[in-house]
Amino acid sequence: MNPLFIISIIISFAAPVKHTCRWDLCPYKGIERGQAVTYVTTYAMGACTDAYYIDMLHIQCPTLDADQLDSLLTIKH
């Protein structure tokens, strides 16, 4: 196996996962997942709010639109 291929795989797993999405004005572009709680809490003006939970869902599911994220938030078990 090609050593460069192995090195690129190791680097890709070691590199932090940064947020990317299709929304031009997303305030979370480029943040690492490990930083999400801090950034979202600040931007949503606190934790445990609908805005906080929707934004955290957006970090986890960046391809979904606002209505889909809201539906995930309001699913009852």
PDB file of N, CA and C in Angstrom:
ATOM      1  N   MET A   1       0.848  -1.182   0.000  1.00  0.00           N
ATOM      2  CA  MET A   1       0.000   0.000   0.000  1.00  0.00           C
ATOM      3  C   MET A   1       0.892   1.243   0.000  1.00  0.00           C
ATOM      4  N   ASN A   2       0.447   2.252  -0.659  1.00  0.00           N
ATOM      5  CA  ASN A   2       1.192   3.503  -0.785  1.00  0.00           C
ATOM      6  C   ASN A   2       1.311   4.200   0.573  1.00  0.00           C
ATOM      7  N   PRO A   3       2.549   4.492   1.033  1.00  0.00           N
ATOM      8  CA  PRO A   3       2.724   5.152   2.327  1.00  0.00           C
ATOM      9  C   PRO A   3       2.059   6.532   2.397  1.00  0.00           C
ATOM     10  N   LEU A   4       2.018   7.258   1.299  1.00  0.00           N
ATOM     11  CA  LEU A   4       1.363   8.575   1.305  1.00  0.00           C
ATOM     12  C   LEU A   4      -0.133   8.445   1.540  1.00  0.00           C
ATOM     13  N   PHE A   5      -0.708   7.376   0.997  1.00  0.00           N
ATOM     14  CA  PHE A   5      -2.132   7.125   1.207  1.00  0.00           C
ATOM     15  C   PHE A   5      -2.405   6.868   2.683  1.00  0.00           C
ATOM     16  N   ILE A   6      -1.566   6.061   3.314  1.00  0.00           N
ATOM     17  CA  ILE A   6      -1.723   5.758   4.731  1.00  0.00           C
ATOM     18  C   ILE A   6      -1.568   7.027   5.577  1.00  0.00           C
ATOM     19  N   ILE A   7      -0.591   7.846   5.254  1.00  0.00           N
ATOM     20  CA  ILE A   7      -0.377   9.102   5.986  1.00  0.00           C
ATOM     21  C   ILE A   7      -1.576  10.029   5.817  1.00  0.00           C
ATOM     22  N   SER A   8      -2.132  10.106   4.615  1.00  0.00           N
ATOM     23  CA  SER A   8      -3.293  10.986   4.399  1.00  0.00           C
ATOM     24  C   SER A   8      -4.497  10.509   5.187  1.00  0.00           C
ATOM     25  N   ILE A   9      -4.661   9.196   5.338  1.00  0.00           N
ATOM     26  CA  ILE A   9      -5.772   8.665   6.140  1.00  0.00           C
ATOM     27  C   ILE A   9      -5.571   9.028   7.612  1.00  0.00           C
ATOM     28  N   ILE A  10      -4.353   8.858   8.106  1.00  0.00           N
ATOM     29  CA  ILE A  10      -4.069   9.194   9.502  1.00  0.00           C
ATOM     30  C   ILE A  10      -4.314  10.674   9.758  1.00  0.00           C
ATOM     31  N   ILE A  11      -3.864  11.531   8.864  1.00  0.00           N
ATOM     32  CA  ILE A  11      -4.053  12.976   9.021  1.00  0.00           C
ATOM     33  C   ILE A  11      -5.532  13.328   8.977  1.00  0.00           C
ATOM     34  N   SER A  12      -6.303  12.685   8.102  1.00  0.00           N
ATOM     35  CA  SER A  12      -7.722  13.018   7.996  1.00  0.00           C
ATOM     36  C   SER A  12      -8.475  12.654   9.264  1.00  0.00           C
ATOM     37  N   PHE A  13      -8.072  11.571   9.934  1.00  0.00           N
ATOM     38  CA  PHE A  13      -8.729  11.217  11.189  1.00  0.00           C
ATOM     39  C   PHE A  13      -8.241  12.074  12.348  1.00  0.00           C
ATOM     40  N   ALA A  14      -7.023  12.554  12.269  1.00  0.00           N
ATOM     41  CA  ALA A  14      -6.473  13.380  13.335  1.00  0.00           C
ATOM     42  C   ALA A  14      -6.945  14.828  13.227  1.00  0.00           C
ATOM     43  N   ALA A  15      -7.267  15.250  12.023  1.00  0.00           N
ATOM     44  CA  ALA A  15      -7.672  16.638  11.805  1.00  0.00           C
ATOM     45  C   ALA A  15      -9.048  16.880  12.426  1.00  0.00           C
ATOM     46  N   PRO A  16      -9.237  18.028  13.068  1.00  0.00           N
ATOM     47  CA  PRO A  16     -10.541  18.328  13.654  1.00  0.00           C
ATOM     48  C   PRO A  16     -11.596  18.524  12.568  1.00  0.00           C
ATOM     49  N   VAL A  17     -12.810  18.111  12.886  1.00  0.00           N
ATOM     50  CA  VAL A  17     -13.920  18.267  11.945  1.00  0.00           C
ATOM     51  C   VAL A  17     -14.442  19.687  12.068  1.00  0.00           C
ATOM     52  N   LYS A  18     -14.405  20.414  10.963  1.00  0.00           N
ATOM     53  CA  LYS A  18     -14.880  21.804  10.961  1.00  0.00           C
ATOM     54  C   LYS A  18     -16.239  21.879  10.290  1.00  0.00           C
ATOM     55  N   HIS A  19     -17.058  22.791  10.771  1.00  0.00           N
ATOM     56  CA  HIS A  19     -18.421  22.943  10.249  1.00  0.00           C
ATOM     57  C   HIS A  19     -18.402  23.591   8.871  1.00  0.00           C
ATOM     58  N   THR A  20     -19.095  22.965   7.963  1.00  0.00           N
ATOM     59  CA  THR A  20     -19.348  23.539   6.643  1.00  0.00           C
ATOM     60  C   THR A  20     -20.825  23.320   6.332  1.00  0.00           C
ATOM     61  N   CYS A  21     -21.410  24.253   5.620  1.00  0.00           N
ATOM     62  CA  CYS A  21     -22.800  24.112   5.194  1.00  0.00           C
ATOM     63  C   CYS A  21     -23.037  25.014   3.983  1.00  0.00           C
ATOM     64  N   ARG A  22     -24.219  24.930   3.452  1.00  0.00           N
ATOM     65  CA  ARG A  22     -24.545  25.692   2.237  1.00  0.00           C
ATOM     66  C   ARG A  22     -24.992  27.123   2.522  1.00  0.00           C
ATOM     67  N   TRP A  23     -25.183  27.481   3.781  1.00  0.00           N
ATOM     68  CA  TRP A  23     -25.710  28.791   4.133  1.00  0.00           C
ATOM     69  C   TRP A  23     -24.583  29.818   4.185  1.00  0.00           C
ATOM     70  N   ASP A  24     -24.673  30.823   3.334  1.00  0.00           N
ATOM     71  CA  ASP A  24     -23.623  31.840   3.236  1.00  0.00           C
ATOM     72  C   ASP A  24     -23.404  32.596   4.550  1.00  0.00           C
ATOM     73  N   LEU A  25     -24.457  32.857   5.277  1.00  0.00           N
ATOM     74  CA  LEU A  25     -24.351  33.673   6.481  1.00  0.00           C
ATOM     75  C   LEU A  25     -24.296  32.850   7.775  1.00  0.00           C
ATOM     76  N   CYS A  26     -23.993  31.584   7.686  1.00  0.00           N
ATOM     77  CA  CYS A  26     -23.934  30.739   8.875  1.00  0.00           C
ATOM     78  C   CYS A  26     -22.827  31.231   9.807  1.00  0.00           C
ATOM     79  N   PRO A  27     -23.160  31.531  11.058  1.00  0.00           N
ATOM     80  CA  PRO A  27     -22.148  32.038  11.991  1.00  0.00           C
ATOM     81  C   PRO A  27     -21.193  30.962  12.496  1.00  0.00           C
ATOM     82  N   TYR A  28     -21.460  29.712  12.147  1.00  0.00           N
ATOM     83  CA  TYR A  28     -20.648  28.616  12.671  1.00  0.00           C
ATOM     84  C   TYR A  28     -19.653  28.044  11.661  1.00  0.00           C
ATOM     85  N   LYS A  29     -19.575  28.628  10.492  1.00  0.00           N
ATOM     86  CA  LYS A  29     -18.647  28.113   9.469  1.00  0.00           C
ATOM     87  C   LYS A  29     -17.225  28.095  10.003  1.00  0.00           C
ATOM     88  N   GLY A  30     -16.600  26.935   9.880  1.00  0.00           N
ATOM     89  CA  GLY A  30     -15.202  26.800  10.243  1.00  0.00           C
ATOM     90  C   GLY A  30     -14.932  26.440  11.694  1.00  0.00           C
ATOM     91  N   ILE A  31     -15.967  26.442  12.548  1.00  0.00           N
ATOM     92  CA  ILE A  31     -15.686  26.059  13.932  1.00  0.00           C
ATOM     93  C   ILE A  31     -15.558  24.541  14.014  1.00  0.00           C
ATOM     94  N   GLU A  32     -14.768  24.080  14.955  1.00  0.00           N
ATOM     95  CA  GLU A  32     -14.602  22.652  15.169  1.00  0.00           C
ATOM     96  C   GLU A  32     -15.756  22.146  16.018  1.00  0.00           C
ATOM     97  N   ARG A  33     -16.110  20.883  15.827  1.00  0.00           N
ATOM     98  CA  ARG A  33     -17.242  20.338  16.583  1.00  0.00           C
ATOM     99  C   ARG A  33     -17.037  20.453  18.084  1.00  0.00           C
ATOM    100  N   GLY A  34     -15.812  20.351  18.525  1.00  0.00           N
ATOM    101  CA  GLY A  34     -15.528  20.473  19.946  1.00  0.00           C
ATOM    102  C   GLY A  34     -15.796  21.868  20.494  1.00  0.00           C
ATOM    103  N   GLN A  35     -15.861  22.856  19.619  1.00  0.00           N
ATOM    104  CA  GLN A  35     -16.132  24.241  20.021  1.00  0.00           C
ATOM    105  C   GLN A  35     -17.605  24.608  19.915  1.00  0.00           C
ATOM    106  N   ALA A  36     -18.422  23.704  19.406  1.00  0.00           N
ATOM    107  CA  ALA A  36     -19.811  24.019  19.081  1.00  0.00           C
ATOM    108  C   ALA A  36     -20.608  24.522  20.281  1.00  0.00           C
ATOM    109  N   VAL A  37     -20.488  23.863  21.415  1.00  0.00           N
ATOM    110  CA  VAL A  37     -21.285  24.260  22.583  1.00  0.00           C
ATOM    111  C   VAL A  37     -20.985  25.699  22.969  1.00  0.00           C
ATOM    112  N   THR A  38     -19.716  26.062  23.003  1.00  0.00           N
ATOM    113  CA  THR A  38     -19.335  27.421  23.376  1.00  0.00           C
ATOM    114  C   THR A  38     -19.874  28.439  22.384  1.00  0.00           C
ATOM    115  N   TYR A  39     -19.672  28.196  21.094  1.00  0.00           N
ATOM    116  CA  TYR A  39     -20.121  29.136  20.067  1.00  0.00           C
ATOM    117  C   TYR A  39     -21.640  29.245  20.033  1.00  0.00           C
ATOM    118  N   VAL A  40     -22.324  28.103  20.076  1.00  0.00           N
ATOM    119  CA  VAL A  40     -23.788  28.129  19.988  1.00  0.00           C
ATOM    120  C   VAL A  40     -24.395  28.786  21.226  1.00  0.00           C
ATOM    121  N   THR A  41     -23.852  28.504  22.398  1.00  0.00           N
ATOM    122  CA  THR A  41     -24.368  29.132  23.617  1.00  0.00           C
ATOM    123  C   THR A  41     -24.248  30.645  23.530  1.00  0.00           C
ATOM    124  N   THR A  42     -23.125  31.119  23.033  1.00  0.00           N
ATOM    125  CA  THR A  42     -22.918  32.561  22.896  1.00  0.00           C
ATOM    126  C   THR A  42     -23.854  33.149  21.847  1.00  0.00           C
ATOM    127  N   TYR A  43     -23.928  32.531  20.678  1.00  0.00           N
ATOM    128  CA  TYR A  43     -24.723  33.075  19.580  1.00  0.00           C
ATOM    129  C   TYR A  43     -26.228  33.006  19.885  1.00  0.00           C
ATOM    130  N   ALA A  44     -26.667  31.899  20.510  1.00  0.00           N
ATOM    131  CA  ALA A  44     -28.095  31.729  20.803  1.00  0.00           C
ATOM    132  C   ALA A  44     -28.484  32.394  22.115  1.00  0.00           C
ATOM    133  N   MET A  45     -27.537  33.104  22.728  1.00  0.00           N
ATOM    134  CA  MET A  45     -27.751  33.819  23.987  1.00  0.00           C
ATOM    135  C   MET A  45     -28.209  32.898  25.108  1.00  0.00           C
ATOM    136  N   GLY A  46     -27.555  31.771  25.220  1.00  0.00           N
ATOM    137  CA  GLY A  46     -27.819  30.850  26.324  1.00  0.00           C
ATOM    138  C   GLY A  46     -28.141  29.452  25.843  1.00  0.00           C
ATOM    139  N   ALA A  47     -27.971  28.526  26.752  1.00  0.00           N
ATOM    140  CA  ALA A  47     -28.297  27.130  26.460  1.00  0.00           C
ATOM    141  C   ALA A  47     -29.750  26.857  26.828  1.00  0.00           C
ATOM    142  N   CYS A  48     -30.222  25.705  26.427  1.00  0.00           N
ATOM    143  CA  CYS A  48     -31.572  25.235  26.770  1.00  0.00           C
ATOM    144  C   CYS A  48     -32.680  26.109  26.195  1.00  0.00           C
ATOM    145  N   THR A  49     -32.432  26.729  25.061  1.00  0.00           N
ATOM    146  CA  THR A  49     -33.470  27.475  24.344  1.00  0.00           C
ATOM    147  C   THR A  49     -33.722  26.778  23.018  1.00  0.00           C
ATOM    148  N   ASP A  50     -34.837  27.085  22.381  1.00  0.00           N
ATOM    149  CA  ASP A  50     -35.103  26.496  21.066  1.00  0.00           C
ATOM    150  C   ASP A  50     -34.001  26.854  20.074  1.00  0.00           C
ATOM    151  N   ALA A  51     -33.553  28.107  20.105  1.00  0.00           N
ATOM    152  CA  ALA A  51     -32.487  28.539  19.186  1.00  0.00           C
ATOM    153  C   ALA A  51     -31.214  27.725  19.421  1.00  0.00           C
ATOM    154  N   TYR A  52     -30.883  27.488  20.664  1.00  0.00           N
ATOM    155  CA  TYR A  52     -29.694  26.698  21.002  1.00  0.00           C
ATOM    156  C   TYR A  52     -29.814  25.285  20.430  1.00  0.00           C
ATOM    157  N   TYR A  53     -30.945  24.635  20.678  1.00  0.00           N
ATOM    158  CA  TYR A  53     -31.113  23.264  20.217  1.00  0.00           C
ATOM    159  C   TYR A  53     -31.162  23.159  18.696  1.00  0.00           C
ATOM    160  N   ILE A  54     -31.819  24.099  18.037  1.00  0.00           N
ATOM    161  CA  ILE A  54     -31.857  24.085  16.574  1.00  0.00           C
ATOM    162  C   ILE A  54     -30.454  24.303  16.004  1.00  0.00           C
ATOM    163  N   ASP A  55     -29.708  25.222  16.587  1.00  0.00           N
ATOM    164  CA  ASP A  55     -28.345  25.462  16.099  1.00  0.00           C
ATOM    165  C   ASP A  55     -27.437  24.262  16.352  1.00  0.00           C
ATOM    166  N   MET A  56     -27.593  23.587  17.489  1.00  0.00           N
ATOM    167  CA  MET A  56     -26.797  22.388  17.755  1.00  0.00           C
ATOM    168  C   MET A  56     -27.170  21.281  16.766  1.00  0.00           C
ATOM    169  N   LEU A  57     -28.461  21.171  16.448  1.00  0.00           N
ATOM    170  CA  LEU A  57     -28.869  20.208  15.419  1.00  0.00           C
ATOM    171  C   LEU A  57     -28.268  20.579  14.069  1.00  0.00           C
ATOM    172  N   HIS A  58     -28.212  21.868  13.774  1.00  0.00           N
ATOM    173  CA  HIS A  58     -27.617  22.327  12.514  1.00  0.00           C
ATOM    174  C   HIS A  58     -26.139  21.927  12.424  1.00  0.00           C
ATOM    175  N   ILE A  59     -25.420  22.021  13.538  1.00  0.00           N
ATOM    176  CA  ILE A  59     -24.013  21.615  13.552  1.00  0.00           C
ATOM    177  C   ILE A  59     -23.915  20.127  13.221  1.00  0.00           C
ATOM    178  N   GLN A  60     -24.809  19.320  13.760  1.00  0.00           N
ATOM    179  CA  GLN A  60     -24.780  17.875  13.547  1.00  0.00           C
ATOM    180  C   GLN A  60     -25.324  17.475  12.175  1.00  0.00           C
ATOM    181  N   CYS A  61     -26.295  18.222  11.662  1.00  0.00           N
ATOM    182  CA  CYS A  61     -26.969  17.880  10.394  1.00  0.00           C
ATOM    183  C   CYS A  61     -26.977  19.106   9.481  1.00  0.00           C
ATOM    184  N   PRO A  62     -25.823  19.523   8.952  1.00  0.00           N
ATOM    185  CA  PRO A  62     -25.748  20.780   8.212  1.00  0.00           C
ATOM    186  C   PRO A  62     -26.479  20.799   6.872  1.00  0.00           C
ATOM    187  N   THR A  63     -26.942  19.650   6.389  1.00  0.00           N
ATOM    188  CA  THR A  63     -27.649  19.634   5.106  1.00  0.00           C
ATOM    189  C   THR A  63     -29.145  19.899   5.252  1.00  0.00           C
ATOM    190  N   LEU A  64     -29.656  19.845   6.475  1.00  0.00           N
ATOM    191  CA  LEU A  64     -31.090  20.057   6.679  1.00  0.00           C
ATOM    192  C   LEU A  64     -31.418  21.544   6.726  1.00  0.00           C
ATOM    193  N   ASP A  65     -32.626  21.890   6.269  1.00  0.00           N
ATOM    194  CA  ASP A  65     -33.039  23.293   6.332  1.00  0.00           C
ATOM    195  C   ASP A  65     -33.725  23.569   7.671  1.00  0.00           C
ATOM    196  N   ALA A  66     -34.120  24.802   7.899  1.00  0.00           N
ATOM    197  CA  ALA A  66     -34.671  25.223   9.193  1.00  0.00           C
ATOM    198  C   ALA A  66     -35.942  24.452   9.552  1.00  0.00           C
ATOM    199  N   ASP A  67     -36.825  24.209   8.594  1.00  0.00           N
ATOM    200  CA  ASP A  67     -38.057  23.473   8.875  1.00  0.00           C
ATOM    201  C   ASP A  67     -37.762  22.033   9.282  1.00  0.00           C
ATOM    202  N   GLN A  68     -36.808  21.407   8.615  1.00  0.00           N
ATOM    203  CA  GLN A  68     -36.438  20.032   8.970  1.00  0.00           C
ATOM    204  C   GLN A  68     -35.816  19.971  10.363  1.00  0.00           C
ATOM    205  N   LEU A  69     -34.985  20.949  10.682  1.00  0.00           N
ATOM    206  CA  LEU A  69     -34.385  20.992  12.011  1.00  0.00           C
ATOM    207  C   LEU A  69     -35.456  21.207  13.081  1.00  0.00           C
ATOM    208  N   ASP A  70     -36.415  22.084  12.801  1.00  0.00           N
ATOM    209  CA  ASP A  70     -37.509  22.318  13.734  1.00  0.00           C
ATOM    210  C   ASP A  70     -38.328  21.058  13.936  1.00  0.00           C
ATOM    211  N   SER A  71     -38.546  20.298  12.858  1.00  0.00           N
ATOM    212  CA  SER A  71     -39.277  19.034  12.982  1.00  0.00           C
ATOM    213  C   SER A  71     -38.523  18.060  13.869  1.00  0.00           C
ATOM    214  N   LEU A  72     -37.211  17.984  13.731  1.00  0.00           N
ATOM    215  CA  LEU A  72     -36.414  17.121  14.602  1.00  0.00           C
ATOM    216  C   LEU A  72     -36.518  17.555  16.056  1.00  0.00           C
ATOM    217  N   LEU A  73     -36.573  18.831  16.270  1.00  0.00           N
ATOM    218  CA  LEU A  73     -36.653  19.370  17.627  1.00  0.00           C
ATOM    219  C   LEU A  73     -37.968  19.030  18.295  1.00  0.00           C
ATOM    220  N   THR A  74     -39.032  18.979  17.518  1.00  0.00           N
ATOM    221  CA  THR A  74     -40.351  18.801  18.106  1.00  0.00           C
ATOM    222  C   THR A  74     -40.872  17.357  18.017  1.00  0.00           C
ATOM    223  N   ILE A  75     -40.043  16.409  17.586  1.00  0.00           N
ATOM    224  CA  ILE A  75     -40.469  15.011  17.539  1.00  0.00           C
ATOM    225  C   ILE A  75     -40.723  14.540  18.965  1.00  0.00           C
ATOM    226  N   LYS A  76     -41.862  13.919  19.138  1.00  0.00           N
ATOM    227  CA  LYS A  76     -42.218  13.400  20.460  1.00  0.00           C
ATOM    228  C   LYS A  76     -41.979  11.899  20.472  1.00  0.00           C
ATOM    229  N   HIS A  77     -41.407  11.421  21.553  1.00  0.00           N
ATOM    230  CA  HIS A  77     -41.119   9.992  21.686  1.00  0.00           C
ATOM    231  C   HIS A  77     -42.275   9.291  22.337  1.00  0.00           C
TER     232      HIS A  77
END
